[in-house]
Amino acid sequence: MQQASLVRVVMHADNLGAYALGILDPAEARAVRWHLAQCGDCRRQLDELGEAKDVLDRVPLEALLDVPPDGGELL
């Protein structure tokens, strides 16, 4: 993939979010890393996404339910 193509792939916010979650395929992840090495704005955005992910990772799954789980209560 050429560098200009890599930039187009990475410029989509979905790719940066997916990168933060670790769900990109290897080629897409490589493109994001290449872009991050050159783009301070995206590095800052990735840091913010990482912080948000850390907070959300601490939320118990039960807190996301609309109804209590079988035999349980909502938090």
PDB file of N, CA and C in Angstrom:
ATOM      1  N   MET A   1       0.845  -1.175   0.000  1.00  0.00           N
ATOM      2  CA  MET A   1       0.000   0.000   0.000  1.00  0.00           C
ATOM      3  C   MET A   1       0.894   1.243   0.000  1.00  0.00           C
ATOM      4  N   GLN A   2       0.574   2.218  -0.822  1.00  0.00           N
ATOM      5  CA  GLN A   2       1.369   3.441  -0.883  1.00  0.00           C
ATOM      6  C   GLN A   2       1.036   4.341   0.300  1.00  0.00           C
ATOM      7  N   GLN A   3       1.947   5.261   0.615  1.00  0.00           N
ATOM      8  CA  GLN A   3       1.749   6.132   1.769  1.00  0.00           C
ATOM      9  C   GLN A   3       0.476   6.956   1.666  1.00  0.00           C
ATOM     10  N   ALA A   4       0.155   7.487   0.510  1.00  0.00           N
ATOM     11  CA  ALA A   4      -1.064   8.282   0.357  1.00  0.00           C
ATOM     12  C   ALA A   4      -2.290   7.425   0.652  1.00  0.00           C
ATOM     13  N   SER A   5      -2.273   6.177   0.247  1.00  0.00           N
ATOM     14  CA  SER A   5      -3.375   5.274   0.539  1.00  0.00           C
ATOM     15  C   SER A   5      -3.482   5.007   2.024  1.00  0.00           C
ATOM     16  N   LEU A   6      -2.335   4.874   2.685  1.00  0.00           N
ATOM     17  CA  LEU A   6      -2.340   4.639   4.120  1.00  0.00           C
ATOM     18  C   LEU A   6      -3.003   5.794   4.854  1.00  0.00           C
ATOM     19  N   VAL A   7      -2.703   6.998   4.453  1.00  0.00           N
ATOM     20  CA  VAL A   7      -3.278   8.170   5.104  1.00  0.00           C
ATOM     21  C   VAL A   7      -4.786   8.161   4.939  1.00  0.00           C
ATOM     22  N   ARG A   8      -5.283   7.840   3.752  1.00  0.00           N
ATOM     23  CA  ARG A   8      -6.731   7.795   3.532  1.00  0.00           C
ATOM     24  C   ARG A   8      -7.385   6.755   4.426  1.00  0.00           C
ATOM     25  N   VAL A   9      -6.766   5.604   4.594  1.00  0.00           N
ATOM     26  CA  VAL A   9      -7.323   4.556   5.440  1.00  0.00           C
ATOM     27  C   VAL A   9      -7.401   5.032   6.886  1.00  0.00           C
ATOM     28  N   VAL A  10      -6.371   5.673   7.360  1.00  0.00           N
ATOM     29  CA  VAL A  10      -6.266   6.038   8.759  1.00  0.00           C
ATOM     30  C   VAL A  10      -7.135   7.234   9.109  1.00  0.00           C
ATOM     31  N   MET A  11      -7.423   8.078   8.174  1.00  0.00           N
ATOM     32  CA  MET A  11      -8.115   9.318   8.481  1.00  0.00           C
ATOM     33  C   MET A  11      -9.543   9.087   8.962  1.00  0.00           C
ATOM     34  N   HIS A  12     -10.073   7.919   8.807  1.00  0.00           N
ATOM     35  CA  HIS A  12     -11.420   7.636   9.285  1.00  0.00           C
ATOM     36  C   HIS A  12     -11.376   7.407  10.788  1.00  0.00           C
ATOM     37  N   ALA A  13     -12.238   8.094  11.524  1.00  0.00           N
ATOM     38  CA  ALA A  13     -12.256   7.981  12.987  1.00  0.00           C
ATOM     39  C   ALA A  13     -12.514   6.548  13.429  1.00  0.00           C
ATOM     40  N   ASP A  14     -13.271   5.798  12.648  1.00  0.00           N
ATOM     41  CA  ASP A  14     -13.551   4.408  13.003  1.00  0.00           C
ATOM     42  C   ASP A  14     -12.256   3.614  13.109  1.00  0.00           C
ATOM     43  N   ASN A  15     -11.322   3.873  12.234  1.00  0.00           N
ATOM     44  CA  ASN A  15     -10.063   3.136  12.285  1.00  0.00           C
ATOM     45  C   ASN A  15      -9.286   3.457  13.548  1.00  0.00           C
ATOM     46  N   LEU A  16      -9.297   4.701  13.980  1.00  0.00           N
ATOM     47  CA  LEU A  16      -8.575   5.072  15.187  1.00  0.00           C
ATOM     48  C   LEU A  16      -9.235   4.434  16.409  1.00  0.00           C
ATOM     49  N   GLY A  17     -10.560   4.452  16.447  1.00  0.00           N
ATOM     50  CA  GLY A  17     -11.273   3.793  17.539  1.00  0.00           C
ATOM     51  C   GLY A  17     -11.045   2.299  17.538  1.00  0.00           C
ATOM     52  N   ALA A  18     -11.105   1.695  16.368  1.00  0.00           N
ATOM     53  CA  ALA A  18     -10.864   0.258  16.257  1.00  0.00           C
ATOM     54  C   ALA A  18      -9.429  -0.079  16.642  1.00  0.00           C
ATOM     55  N   TYR A  19      -8.507   0.801  16.316  1.00  0.00           N
ATOM     56  CA  TYR A  19      -7.105   0.598  16.710  1.00  0.00           C
ATOM     57  C   TYR A  19      -6.985   0.619  18.232  1.00  0.00           C
ATOM     58  N   ALA A  20      -7.660   1.571  18.869  1.00  0.00           N
ATOM     59  CA  ALA A  20      -7.621   1.667  20.334  1.00  0.00           C
ATOM     60  C   ALA A  20      -8.180   0.403  20.983  1.00  0.00           C
ATOM     61  N   LEU A  21      -9.152  -0.213  20.327  1.00  0.00           N
ATOM     62  CA  LEU A  21      -9.743  -1.443  20.850  1.00  0.00           C
ATOM     63  C   LEU A  21      -8.946  -2.685  20.467  1.00  0.00           C
ATOM     64  N   GLY A  22      -7.990  -2.522  19.557  1.00  0.00           N
ATOM     65  CA  GLY A  22      -7.164  -3.654  19.137  1.00  0.00           C
ATOM     66  C   GLY A  22      -7.870  -4.616  18.210  1.00  0.00           C
ATOM     67  N   ILE A  23      -8.802  -4.091  17.404  1.00  0.00           N
ATOM     68  CA  ILE A  23      -9.593  -4.982  16.550  1.00  0.00           C
ATOM     69  C   ILE A  23      -9.329  -4.805  15.051  1.00  0.00           C
ATOM     70  N   LEU A  24      -8.298  -4.066  14.698  1.00  0.00           N
ATOM     71  CA  LEU A  24      -7.949  -3.924  13.281  1.00  0.00           C
ATOM     72  C   LEU A  24      -7.147  -5.134  12.815  1.00  0.00           C
ATOM     73  N   ASP A  25      -7.241  -5.409  11.526  1.00  0.00           N
ATOM     74  CA  ASP A  25      -6.375  -6.458  10.995  1.00  0.00           C
ATOM     75  C   ASP A  25      -4.947  -5.907  10.939  1.00  0.00           C
ATOM     76  N   PRO A  26      -3.964  -6.781  10.810  1.00  0.00           N
ATOM     77  CA  PRO A  26      -2.562  -6.329  10.882  1.00  0.00           C
ATOM     78  C   PRO A  26      -2.207  -5.215   9.893  1.00  0.00           C
ATOM     79  N   ALA A  27      -2.710  -5.284   8.672  1.00  0.00           N
ATOM     80  CA  ALA A  27      -2.379  -4.252   7.680  1.00  0.00           C
ATOM     81  C   ALA A  27      -2.966  -2.903   8.079  1.00  0.00           C
ATOM     82  N   GLU A  28      -4.214  -2.905   8.575  1.00  0.00           N
ATOM     83  CA  GLU A  28      -4.830  -1.656   9.006  1.00  0.00           C
ATOM     84  C   GLU A  28      -4.106  -1.093  10.234  1.00  0.00           C
ATOM     85  N   ALA A  29      -3.750  -1.952  11.169  1.00  0.00           N
ATOM     86  CA  ALA A  29      -3.030  -1.505  12.362  1.00  0.00           C
ATOM     87  C   ALA A  29      -1.684  -0.893  11.980  1.00  0.00           C
ATOM     88  N   ARG A  30      -1.006  -1.497  11.024  1.00  0.00           N
ATOM     89  CA  ARG A  30       0.281  -0.973  10.552  1.00  0.00           C
ATOM     90  C   ARG A  30       0.079   0.419   9.937  1.00  0.00           C
ATOM     91  N   ALA A  31      -1.008   0.591   9.186  1.00  0.00           N
ATOM     92  CA  ALA A  31      -1.298   1.889   8.580  1.00  0.00           C
ATOM     93  C   ALA A  31      -1.572   2.943   9.651  1.00  0.00           C
ATOM     94  N   VAL A  32      -2.292   2.559  10.690  1.00  0.00           N
ATOM     95  CA  VAL A  32      -2.578   3.500  11.777  1.00  0.00           C
ATOM     96  C   VAL A  32      -1.281   3.881  12.488  1.00  0.00           C
ATOM     97  N   ARG A  33      -0.434   2.905  12.776  1.00  0.00           N
ATOM     98  CA  ARG A  33       0.852   3.211  13.432  1.00  0.00           C
ATOM     99  C   ARG A  33       1.688   4.164  12.588  1.00  0.00           C
ATOM    100  N   TRP A  34       1.705   3.933  11.286  1.00  0.00           N
ATOM    101  CA  TRP A  34       2.453   4.813  10.383  1.00  0.00           C
ATOM    102  C   TRP A  34       1.917   6.240  10.489  1.00  0.00           C
ATOM    103  N   HIS A  35       0.601   6.367  10.459  1.00  0.00           N
ATOM    104  CA  HIS A  35      -0.013   7.688  10.523  1.00  0.00           C
ATOM    105  C   HIS A  35       0.240   8.340  11.884  1.00  0.00           C
ATOM    106  N   LEU A  36       0.103   7.564  12.954  1.00  0.00           N
ATOM    107  CA  LEU A  36       0.304   8.112  14.295  1.00  0.00           C
ATOM    108  C   LEU A  36       1.720   8.647  14.487  1.00  0.00           C
ATOM    109  N   ALA A  37       2.677   8.025  13.847  1.00  0.00           N
ATOM    110  CA  ALA A  37       4.063   8.485  13.953  1.00  0.00           C
ATOM    111  C   ALA A  37       4.227   9.896  13.408  1.00  0.00           C
ATOM    112  N   GLN A  38       3.300  10.322  12.555  1.00  0.00           N
ATOM    113  CA  GLN A  38       3.416  11.629  11.915  1.00  0.00           C
ATOM    114  C   GLN A  38       2.365  12.638  12.347  1.00  0.00           C
ATOM    115  N   CYS A  39       1.350  12.209  13.079  1.00  0.00           N
ATOM    116  CA  CYS A  39       0.201  13.086  13.346  1.00  0.00           C
ATOM    117  C   CYS A  39      -0.053  13.226  14.844  1.00  0.00           C
ATOM    118  N   GLY A  40       0.344  14.353  15.382  1.00  0.00           N
ATOM    119  CA  GLY A  40       0.144  14.625  16.797  1.00  0.00           C
ATOM    120  C   GLY A  40      -1.321  14.703  17.190  1.00  0.00           C
ATOM    121  N   ASP A  41      -2.152  15.250  16.316  1.00  0.00           N
ATOM    122  CA  ASP A  41      -3.581  15.341  16.618  1.00  0.00           C
ATOM    123  C   ASP A  41      -4.181  13.953  16.824  1.00  0.00           C
ATOM    124  N   CYS A  42      -3.834  13.034  15.965  1.00  0.00           N
ATOM    125  CA  CYS A  42      -4.366  11.674  16.087  1.00  0.00           C
ATOM    126  C   CYS A  42      -3.783  10.958  17.302  1.00  0.00           C
ATOM    127  N   ARG A  43      -2.533  11.230  17.635  1.00  0.00           N
ATOM    128  CA  ARG A  43      -1.947  10.639  18.853  1.00  0.00           C
ATOM    129  C   ARG A  43      -2.696  11.117  20.086  1.00  0.00           C
ATOM    130  N   ARG A  44      -3.038  12.407  20.132  1.00  0.00           N
ATOM    131  CA  ARG A  44      -3.807  12.943  21.252  1.00  0.00           C
ATOM    132  C   ARG A  44      -5.197  12.316  21.297  1.00  0.00           C
ATOM    133  N   GLN A  45      -5.817  12.190  20.124  1.00  0.00           N
ATOM    134  CA  GLN A  45      -7.140  11.571  20.072  1.00  0.00           C
ATOM    135  C   GLN A  45      -7.065  10.114  20.531  1.00  0.00           C
ATOM    136  N   LEU A  46      -6.030   9.403  20.135  1.00  0.00           N
ATOM    137  CA  LEU A  46      -5.859   8.021  20.560  1.00  0.00           C
ATOM    138  C   LEU A  46      -5.680   7.943  22.082  1.00  0.00           C
ATOM    139  N   ASP A  47      -4.937   8.879  22.655  1.00  0.00           N
ATOM    140  CA  ASP A  47      -4.781   8.919  24.113  1.00  0.00           C
ATOM    141  C   ASP A  47      -6.138   9.094  24.791  1.00  0.00           C
ATOM    142  N   GLU A  48      -6.969   9.995  24.252  1.00  0.00           N
ATOM    143  CA  GLU A  48      -8.299  10.215  24.811  1.00  0.00           C
ATOM    144  C   GLU A  48      -9.165   8.967  24.674  1.00  0.00           C
ATOM    145  N   LEU A  49      -9.092   8.318  23.534  1.00  0.00           N
ATOM    146  CA  LEU A  49      -9.852   7.084  23.342  1.00  0.00           C
ATOM    147  C   LEU A  49      -9.397   6.004  24.323  1.00  0.00           C
ATOM    148  N   GLY A  50      -8.101   5.938  24.556  1.00  0.00           N
ATOM    149  CA  GLY A  50      -7.571   4.966  25.509  1.00  0.00           C
ATOM    150  C   GLY A  50      -8.073   5.230  26.920  1.00  0.00           C
ATOM    151  N   GLU A  51      -8.133   6.509  27.296  1.00  0.00           N
ATOM    152  CA  GLU A  51      -8.650   6.861  28.618  1.00  0.00           C
ATOM    153  C   GLU A  51     -10.121   6.486  28.738  1.00  0.00           C
ATOM    154  N   ALA A  52     -10.899   6.761  27.703  1.00  0.00           N
ATOM    155  CA  ALA A  52     -12.324   6.404  27.717  1.00  0.00           C
ATOM    156  C   ALA A  52     -12.494   4.888  27.793  1.00  0.00           C
ATOM    157  N   LYS A  53     -11.677   4.154  27.057  1.00  0.00           N
ATOM    158  CA  LYS A  53     -11.755   2.693  27.089  1.00  0.00           C
ATOM    159  C   LYS A  53     -11.448   2.183  28.486  1.00  0.00           C
ATOM    160  N   ASP A  54     -10.437   2.746  29.137  1.00  0.00           N
ATOM    161  CA  ASP A  54     -10.072   2.329  30.491  1.00  0.00           C
ATOM    162  C   ASP A  54     -11.240   2.526  31.460  1.00  0.00           C
ATOM    163  N   VAL A  55     -11.929   3.655  31.340  1.00  0.00           N
ATOM    164  CA  VAL A  55     -13.081   3.926  32.209  1.00  0.00           C
ATOM    165  C   VAL A  55     -14.196   2.928  31.913  1.00  0.00           C
ATOM    166  N   LEU A  56     -14.498   2.735  30.642  1.00  0.00           N
ATOM    167  CA  LEU A  56     -15.585   1.820  30.278  1.00  0.00           C
ATOM    168  C   LEU A  56     -15.270   0.378  30.637  1.00  0.00           C
ATOM    169  N   ASP A  57     -14.010   0.005  30.608  1.00  0.00           N
ATOM    170  CA  ASP A  57     -13.624  -1.356  30.987  1.00  0.00           C
ATOM    171  C   ASP A  57     -13.931  -1.639  32.456  1.00  0.00           C
ATOM    172  N   ARG A  58     -14.024  -0.586  33.277  1.00  0.00           N
ATOM    173  CA  ARG A  58     -14.308  -0.769  34.700  1.00  0.00           C
ATOM    174  C   ARG A  58     -15.809  -0.854  34.999  1.00  0.00           C
ATOM    175  N   VAL A  59     -16.660  -0.556  34.022  1.00  0.00           N
ATOM    176  CA  VAL A  59     -18.109  -0.618  34.227  1.00  0.00           C
ATOM    177  C   VAL A  59     -18.545  -2.082  34.168  1.00  0.00           C
ATOM    178  N   PRO A  60     -19.225  -2.567  35.222  1.00  0.00           N
ATOM    179  CA  PRO A  60     -19.688  -3.954  35.168  1.00  0.00           C
ATOM    180  C   PRO A  60     -20.755  -4.121  34.077  1.00  0.00           C
ATOM    181  N   LEU A  61     -20.718  -5.242  33.406  1.00  0.00           N
ATOM    182  CA  LEU A  61     -21.671  -5.484  32.325  1.00  0.00           C
ATOM    183  C   LEU A  61     -23.113  -5.364  32.792  1.00  0.00           C
ATOM    184  N   GLU A  62     -23.376  -5.726  34.035  1.00  0.00           N
ATOM    185  CA  GLU A  62     -24.739  -5.646  34.567  1.00  0.00           C
ATOM    186  C   GLU A  62     -25.268  -4.217  34.545  1.00  0.00           C
ATOM    187  N   ALA A  63     -24.377  -3.248  34.628  1.00  0.00           N
ATOM    188  CA  ALA A  63     -24.787  -1.843  34.620  1.00  0.00           C
ATOM    189  C   ALA A  63     -25.332  -1.422  33.263  1.00  0.00           C
ATOM    190  N   LEU A  64     -25.096  -2.210  32.246  1.00  0.00           N
ATOM    191  CA  LEU A  64     -25.535  -1.867  30.896  1.00  0.00           C
ATOM    192  C   LEU A  64     -26.860  -2.530  30.524  1.00  0.00           C
ATOM    193  N   LEU A  65     -27.413  -3.324  31.418  1.00  0.00           N
ATOM    194  CA  LEU A  65     -28.659  -4.027  31.143  1.00  0.00           C
ATOM    195  C   LEU A  65     -29.855  -3.107  31.349  1.00  0.00           C
ATOM    196  N   ASP A  66     -30.907  -3.321  30.563  1.00  0.00           N
ATOM    197  CA  ASP A  66     -32.161  -2.574  30.735  1.00  0.00           C
ATOM    198  C   ASP A  66     -33.024  -3.191  31.826  1.00  0.00           C
ATOM    199  N   VAL A  67     -32.825  -4.454  32.074  1.00  0.00           N
ATOM    200  CA  VAL A  67     -33.603  -5.176  33.086  1.00  0.00           C
ATOM    201  C   VAL A  67     -32.633  -5.943  33.976  1.00  0.00           C
ATOM    202  N   PRO A  68     -33.061  -6.280  35.190  1.00  0.00           N
ATOM    203  CA  PRO A  68     -32.160  -7.045  36.050  1.00  0.00           C
ATOM    204  C   PRO A  68     -31.845  -8.411  35.435  1.00  0.00           C
ATOM    205  N   PRO A  69     -30.647  -8.916  35.673  1.00  0.00           N
ATOM    206  CA  PRO A  69     -30.338 -10.264  35.204  1.00  0.00           C
ATOM    207  C   PRO A  69     -31.191 -11.272  35.977  1.00  0.00           C
ATOM    208  N   ASP A  70     -31.371 -12.447  35.437  1.00  0.00           N
ATOM    209  CA  ASP A  70     -32.154 -13.477  36.132  1.00  0.00           C
ATOM    210  C   ASP A  70     -31.642 -13.654  37.547  1.00  0.00           C
ATOM    211  N   GLY A  71     -32.533 -13.483  38.503  1.00  0.00           N
ATOM    212  CA  GLY A  71     -32.160 -13.678  39.903  1.00  0.00           C
ATOM    213  C   GLY A  71     -31.310 -12.563  40.477  1.00  0.00           C
ATOM    214  N   GLY A  72     -31.229 -11.429  39.796  1.00  0.00           N
ATOM    215  CA  GLY A  72     -30.379 -10.347  40.276  1.00  0.00           C
ATOM    216  C   GLY A  72     -31.086  -9.018  40.303  1.00  0.00           C
ATOM    217  N   GLU A  73     -30.337  -7.999  40.616  1.00  0.00           N
ATOM    218  CA  GLU A  73     -30.862  -6.627  40.667  1.00  0.00           C
ATOM    219  C   GLU A  73     -29.986  -5.724  39.810  1.00  0.00           C
ATOM    220  N   LEU A  74     -30.585  -4.668  39.313  1.00  0.00           N
ATOM    221  CA  LEU A  74     -29.788  -3.647  38.632  1.00  0.00           C
ATOM    222  C   LEU A  74     -28.940  -2.925  39.653  1.00  0.00           C
ATOM    223  N   LEU A  75     -27.808  -2.448  39.257  1.00  0.00           N
ATOM    224  CA  LEU A  75     -26.930  -1.720  40.181  1.00  0.00           C
ATOM    225  C   LEU A  75     -27.495  -0.360  40.506  1.00  0.00           C
TER     226      LEU A  75
END
